[in-house]
Amino acid sequence: MIRYLSLFFLLSLIGFTILNLDFVTPFMDAFCLLLAKISGNLMLLFNANITLTDAVIRHQPSLFAIEVTAECSASQVSWLYVAALLPYPMLSWSQKGIALLLGLLVIQIVNVIRLISLVYFGAWFSMDTFSVLHEYVWPLLLNVVVLAGFMGVLFYCRPEPLPTTPEPAETEQ
């Protein structure tokens, strides 16, 4: 357990350091642009009052807009998921690979839902409501998704129990 926690801490530290390096910024900007395009185009399927300019999604009637930045990318919680999963000793590398792909996909799907909801909450409700959702509720929900995903992997990929040998039956004399 100490080895796992040490590796988790080390991977978290390395990941958060890498995410803050200057050479990562262009990649994060491109990823944020992709997230904005996916979110904006999904919104356009149901609402023609949305405009998308670079990484800015705008609700035209209210003029409310959000800009998808690195903090909106769910990269931090994604890295926590990676850091929790990679050093876990009871999983094979194929199980870890599948769990990483599915888990990161789910995190980003939830993140797109988050971005879409923030545009509408900002357009239809007060800035106080938007701020609470943006700064407290959605970050908490994303962390819950990561925890639930990790716990789900542990539940579905648990190792088979070792077979027990039956004890010899006692004979009566």
C-alpha atoms as a PDB file:
ATOM      1  CA  MET A   1       0.000   0.000   0.000  1.00  0.00           C
ATOM      2  CA  ILE A   2       2.856   2.394   0.784  1.00  0.00           C
ATOM      3  CA  ARG A   3       4.441   1.608  -2.600  1.00  0.00           C
ATOM      4  CA  TYR A   4       1.139   2.325  -4.393  1.00  0.00           C
ATOM      5  CA  LEU A   5       0.556   5.597  -2.536  1.00  0.00           C
ATOM      6  CA  SER A   6       4.142   6.705  -3.158  1.00  0.00           C
ATOM      7  CA  LEU A   7       3.816   6.002  -6.893  1.00  0.00           C
ATOM      8  CA  PHE A   8       0.411   7.736  -7.002  1.00  0.00           C
ATOM      9  CA  PHE A   9       1.876  10.817  -5.327  1.00  0.00           C
ATOM     10  CA  LEU A  10       4.927  10.800  -7.597  1.00  0.00           C
ATOM     11  CA  LEU A  11       2.876  10.382 -10.791  1.00  0.00           C
ATOM     12  CA  SER A  12       0.484  13.128  -9.654  1.00  0.00           C
ATOM     13  CA  LEU A  13       3.383  15.481  -9.004  1.00  0.00           C
ATOM     14  CA  ILE A  14       5.000  14.691 -12.361  1.00  0.00           C
ATOM     15  CA  GLY A  15       1.698  15.055 -14.228  1.00  0.00           C
ATOM     16  CA  PHE A  16       0.722  18.368 -12.668  1.00  0.00           C
ATOM     17  CA  THR A  17       4.225  19.685 -13.303  1.00  0.00           C
ATOM     18  CA  ILE A  18       4.082  18.660 -16.954  1.00  0.00           C
ATOM     19  CA  LEU A  19       0.632  20.242 -17.372  1.00  0.00           C
ATOM     20  CA  ASN A  20       2.115  23.577 -16.266  1.00  0.00           C
ATOM     21  CA  LEU A  21       5.158  23.550 -18.561  1.00  0.00           C
ATOM     22  CA  ASP A  22       5.293  26.085 -21.390  1.00  0.00           C
ATOM     23  CA  PHE A  23       5.809  23.534 -24.155  1.00  0.00           C
ATOM     24  CA  VAL A  24       2.480  21.869 -23.232  1.00  0.00           C
ATOM     25  CA  THR A  25       0.506  25.094 -23.772  1.00  0.00           C
ATOM     26  CA  PRO A  26       0.063  24.734 -27.567  1.00  0.00           C
ATOM     27  CA  PHE A  27      -1.211  21.174 -27.116  1.00  0.00           C
ATOM     28  CA  MET A  28      -3.626  22.278 -24.389  1.00  0.00           C
ATOM     29  CA  ASP A  29      -4.821  25.176 -26.558  1.00  0.00           C
ATOM     30  CA  ALA A  30      -5.501  22.775 -29.435  1.00  0.00           C
ATOM     31  CA  PHE A  31      -7.326  20.384 -27.106  1.00  0.00           C
ATOM     32  CA  CYS A  32      -9.418  23.244 -25.672  1.00  0.00           C
ATOM     33  CA  LEU A  33     -10.318  24.347 -29.188  1.00  0.00           C
ATOM     34  CA  LEU A  34     -11.425  20.789 -29.946  1.00  0.00           C
ATOM     35  CA  LEU A  35     -13.542  20.676 -26.779  1.00  0.00           C
ATOM     36  CA  ALA A  36     -15.133  24.028 -27.666  1.00  0.00           C
ATOM     37  CA  LYS A  37     -15.926  22.842 -31.192  1.00  0.00           C
ATOM     38  CA  ILE A  38     -17.432  19.574 -29.987  1.00  0.00           C
ATOM     39  CA  SER A  39     -19.516  21.345 -27.313  1.00  0.00           C
ATOM     40  CA  GLY A  40     -20.572  24.203 -29.606  1.00  0.00           C
ATOM     41  CA  ASN A  41     -21.516  21.918 -32.489  1.00  0.00           C
ATOM     42  CA  LEU A  42     -23.540  19.672 -30.184  1.00  0.00           C
ATOM     43  CA  MET A  43     -25.370  22.761 -28.951  1.00  0.00           C
ATOM     44  CA  LEU A  44     -25.980  23.898 -32.533  1.00  0.00           C
ATOM     45  CA  LEU A  45     -27.837  20.655 -33.213  1.00  0.00           C
ATOM     46  CA  PHE A  46     -30.576  21.820 -30.852  1.00  0.00           C
ATOM     47  CA  ASN A  47     -30.180  25.603 -30.675  1.00  0.00           C
ATOM     48  CA  ALA A  48     -29.353  27.895 -33.589  1.00  0.00           C
ATOM     49  CA  ASN A  49     -28.684  30.771 -31.169  1.00  0.00           C
ATOM     50  CA  ILE A  50     -25.155  29.555 -30.423  1.00  0.00           C
ATOM     51  CA  THR A  51     -22.055  30.994 -32.051  1.00  0.00           C
ATOM     52  CA  LEU A  52     -18.619  29.502 -31.911  1.00  0.00           C
ATOM     53  CA  THR A  53     -15.538  31.666 -32.381  1.00  0.00           C
ATOM     54  CA  ASP A  54     -12.255  29.898 -31.752  1.00  0.00           C
ATOM     55  CA  ALA A  55     -12.603  28.492 -28.219  1.00  0.00           C
ATOM     56  CA  VAL A  56     -15.455  30.858 -27.264  1.00  0.00           C
ATOM     57  CA  ILE A  57     -19.021  29.543 -27.111  1.00  0.00           C
ATOM     58  CA  ARG A  58     -21.644  32.310 -27.070  1.00  0.00           C
ATOM     59  CA  HIS A  59     -25.375  32.183 -26.408  1.00  0.00           C
ATOM     60  CA  GLN A  60     -26.538  34.961 -28.755  1.00  0.00           C
ATOM     61  CA  PRO A  61     -29.823  36.066 -27.136  1.00  0.00           C
ATOM     62  CA  SER A  62     -28.194  36.678 -23.756  1.00  0.00           C
ATOM     63  CA  LEU A  63     -24.698  37.424 -25.122  1.00  0.00           C
ATOM     64  CA  PHE A  64     -23.317  35.143 -22.416  1.00  0.00           C
ATOM     65  CA  ALA A  65     -20.114  33.399 -23.449  1.00  0.00           C
ATOM     66  CA  ILE A  66     -17.512  31.063 -22.068  1.00  0.00           C
ATOM     67  CA  GLU A  67     -13.982  30.555 -23.285  1.00  0.00           C
ATOM     68  CA  VAL A  68     -12.687  27.020 -23.036  1.00  0.00           C
ATOM     69  CA  THR A  69      -9.251  27.320 -21.446  1.00  0.00           C
ATOM     70  CA  ALA A  70      -6.797  24.798 -20.013  1.00  0.00           C
ATOM     71  CA  GLU A  71      -8.663  24.874 -16.698  1.00  0.00           C
ATOM     72  CA  CYS A  72     -11.796  23.746 -18.590  1.00  0.00           C
ATOM     73  CA  SER A  73     -10.120  20.732 -20.178  1.00  0.00           C
ATOM     74  CA  ALA A  74     -10.508  18.326 -17.243  1.00  0.00           C
ATOM     75  CA  SER A  75      -6.799  17.612 -17.673  1.00  0.00           C
ATOM     76  CA  GLN A  76      -6.157  17.726 -13.928  1.00  0.00           C
ATOM     77  CA  VAL A  77      -8.818  15.161 -13.028  1.00  0.00           C
ATOM     78  CA  SER A  78      -7.815  13.070 -16.036  1.00  0.00           C
ATOM     79  CA  TRP A  79      -4.269  12.997 -14.752  1.00  0.00           C
ATOM     80  CA  LEU A  80      -5.481  11.991 -11.282  1.00  0.00           C
ATOM     81  CA  TYR A  81      -7.272   9.065 -12.901  1.00  0.00           C
ATOM     82  CA  VAL A  82      -4.098   8.067 -14.774  1.00  0.00           C
ATOM     83  CA  ALA A  83      -1.990   8.451 -11.631  1.00  0.00           C
ATOM     84  CA  ALA A  84      -4.382   6.273  -9.643  1.00  0.00           C
ATOM     85  CA  LEU A  85      -4.678   3.563 -12.277  1.00  0.00           C
ATOM     86  CA  LEU A  86      -1.132   3.083 -13.584  1.00  0.00           C
ATOM     87  CA  PRO A  87       0.600   1.987 -10.361  1.00  0.00           C
ATOM     88  CA  TYR A  88      -2.246  -0.255  -9.215  1.00  0.00           C
ATOM     89  CA  PRO A  89      -0.580  -3.656  -8.867  1.00  0.00           C
ATOM     90  CA  MET A  90      -3.582  -5.977  -9.267  1.00  0.00           C
ATOM     91  CA  LEU A  91      -4.321  -5.048 -12.898  1.00  0.00           C
ATOM     92  CA  SER A  92      -2.678  -6.376 -16.022  1.00  0.00           C
ATOM     93  CA  TRP A  93      -1.356  -3.880 -18.555  1.00  0.00           C
ATOM     94  CA  SER A  94      -4.166  -4.756 -20.961  1.00  0.00           C
ATOM     95  CA  GLN A  95      -6.739  -4.085 -18.236  1.00  0.00           C
ATOM     96  CA  LYS A  96      -5.013  -0.791 -17.437  1.00  0.00           C
ATOM     97  CA  GLY A  97      -5.008   0.188 -21.122  1.00  0.00           C
ATOM     98  CA  ILE A  98      -8.711  -0.515 -21.594  1.00  0.00           C
ATOM     99  CA  ALA A  99      -9.564   1.194 -18.302  1.00  0.00           C
ATOM    100  CA  LEU A 100      -7.515   4.253 -19.279  1.00  0.00           C
ATOM    101  CA  LEU A 101      -9.179   4.594 -22.676  1.00  0.00           C
ATOM    102  CA  LEU A 102     -12.707   4.133 -21.358  1.00  0.00           C
ATOM    103  CA  GLY A 103     -12.158   6.217 -18.229  1.00  0.00           C
ATOM    104  CA  LEU A 104     -10.613   9.171 -20.053  1.00  0.00           C
ATOM    105  CA  LEU A 105     -13.392   9.031 -22.645  1.00  0.00           C
ATOM    106  CA  VAL A 106     -16.060   9.127 -19.923  1.00  0.00           C
ATOM    107  CA  ILE A 107     -14.300  12.022 -18.185  1.00  0.00           C
ATOM    108  CA  GLN A 108     -14.292  14.037 -21.418  1.00  0.00           C
ATOM    109  CA  ILE A 109     -17.938  13.202 -22.191  1.00  0.00           C
ATOM    110  CA  VAL A 110     -18.891  14.484 -18.752  1.00  0.00           C
ATOM    111  CA  ASN A 111     -16.688  17.527 -19.359  1.00  0.00           C
ATOM    112  CA  VAL A 112     -18.508  18.336 -22.616  1.00  0.00           C
ATOM    113  CA  ILE A 113     -21.830  18.060 -20.742  1.00  0.00           C
ATOM    114  CA  ARG A 114     -20.324  20.395 -18.138  1.00  0.00           C
ATOM    115  CA  LEU A 115     -19.322  22.996 -20.745  1.00  0.00           C
ATOM    116  CA  ILE A 116     -22.737  22.903 -22.406  1.00  0.00           C
ATOM    117  CA  SER A 117     -24.545  23.242 -19.090  1.00  0.00           C
ATOM    118  CA  LEU A 118     -22.342  26.161 -18.043  1.00  0.00           C
ATOM    119  CA  VAL A 119     -23.259  28.096 -21.192  1.00  0.00           C
ATOM    120  CA  TYR A 120     -26.966  27.643 -20.511  1.00  0.00           C
ATOM    121  CA  PHE A 121     -26.738  28.282 -16.771  1.00  0.00           C
ATOM    122  CA  GLY A 122     -24.775  31.450 -17.482  1.00  0.00           C
ATOM    123  CA  ALA A 123     -27.338  32.543 -20.066  1.00  0.00           C
ATOM    124  CA  TRP A 124     -30.481  31.758 -18.087  1.00  0.00           C
ATOM    125  CA  PHE A 125     -29.530  32.280 -14.448  1.00  0.00           C
ATOM    126  CA  SER A 126     -27.624  34.772 -12.352  1.00  0.00           C
ATOM    127  CA  MET A 127     -23.843  35.011 -12.334  1.00  0.00           C
ATOM    128  CA  ASP A 128     -23.922  33.782  -8.726  1.00  0.00           C
ATOM    129  CA  THR A 129     -25.563  30.543  -9.851  1.00  0.00           C
ATOM    130  CA  PHE A 130     -23.085  30.209 -12.706  1.00  0.00           C
ATOM    131  CA  SER A 131     -20.139  30.833 -10.360  1.00  0.00           C
ATOM    132  CA  VAL A 132     -21.277  28.217  -7.847  1.00  0.00           C
ATOM    133  CA  LEU A 133     -21.735  25.632 -10.596  1.00  0.00           C
ATOM    134  CA  HIS A 134     -18.479  26.557 -12.326  1.00  0.00           C
ATOM    135  CA  GLU A 135     -16.258  26.735  -9.258  1.00  0.00           C
ATOM    136  CA  TYR A 136     -17.769  24.184  -6.864  1.00  0.00           C
ATOM    137  CA  VAL A 137     -20.433  21.836  -8.215  1.00  0.00           C
ATOM    138  CA  TRP A 138     -18.893  20.739 -11.520  1.00  0.00           C
ATOM    139  CA  PRO A 139     -15.342  20.307 -10.173  1.00  0.00           C
ATOM    140  CA  LEU A 140     -16.764  18.143  -7.396  1.00  0.00           C
ATOM    141  CA  LEU A 141     -18.810  16.103  -9.886  1.00  0.00           C
ATOM    142  CA  LEU A 142     -15.778  15.561 -12.121  1.00  0.00           C
ATOM    143  CA  ASN A 143     -13.808  14.276  -9.136  1.00  0.00           C
ATOM    144  CA  VAL A 144     -16.698  11.974  -8.230  1.00  0.00           C
ATOM    145  CA  VAL A 145     -16.654  10.638 -11.818  1.00  0.00           C
ATOM    146  CA  VAL A 146     -12.928   9.922 -11.483  1.00  0.00           C
ATOM    147  CA  LEU A 147     -13.410   8.184  -8.141  1.00  0.00           C
ATOM    148  CA  ALA A 148     -16.383   6.177  -9.410  1.00  0.00           C
ATOM    149  CA  GLY A 149     -14.464   5.201 -12.531  1.00  0.00           C
ATOM    150  CA  PHE A 150     -11.461   4.049 -10.532  1.00  0.00           C
ATOM    151  CA  MET A 151     -13.632   2.128  -8.083  1.00  0.00           C
ATOM    152  CA  GLY A 152     -15.522   0.582 -11.013  1.00  0.00           C
ATOM    153  CA  VAL A 153     -12.258  -0.631 -12.527  1.00  0.00           C
ATOM    154  CA  LEU A 154     -11.236  -2.140  -9.203  1.00  0.00           C
ATOM    155  CA  PHE A 155     -14.604  -3.863  -8.880  1.00  0.00           C
ATOM    156  CA  TYR A 156     -14.787  -5.291 -12.409  1.00  0.00           C
ATOM    157  CA  CYS A 157     -11.108  -6.189 -12.743  1.00  0.00           C
ATOM    158  CA  ARG A 158     -10.564  -7.708  -9.341  1.00  0.00           C
ATOM    159  CA  PRO A 159      -8.358 -10.770  -9.362  1.00  0.00           C
ATOM    160  CA  GLU A 160      -9.858 -14.210  -9.046  1.00  0.00           C
ATOM    161  CA  PRO A 161      -9.647 -15.547  -5.509  1.00  0.00           C
ATOM    162  CA  LEU A 162      -7.151 -18.304  -4.970  1.00  0.00           C
ATOM    163  CA  PRO A 163      -8.765 -21.718  -4.840  1.00  0.00           C
ATOM    164  CA  THR A 164      -9.019 -23.094  -1.379  1.00  0.00           C
ATOM    165  CA  THR A 165      -8.255 -26.680  -0.688  1.00  0.00           C
ATOM    166  CA  PRO A 166     -10.935 -28.443   1.230  1.00  0.00           C
ATOM    167  CA  GLU A 167      -9.951 -29.624   4.631  1.00  0.00           C
ATOM    168  CA  PRO A 168      -9.930 -33.378   5.029  1.00  0.00           C
ATOM    169  CA  ALA A 169     -13.105 -34.671   6.571  1.00  0.00           C
ATOM    170  CA  GLU A 170     -12.747 -35.953  10.058  1.00  0.00           C
ATOM    171  CA  THR A 171     -13.399 -39.620  10.412  1.00  0.00           C
ATOM    172  CA  GLU A 172     -15.414 -40.952  13.266  1.00  0.00           C
ATOM    173  CA  GLN A 173     -13.896 -43.764  15.295  1.00  0.00           C
END
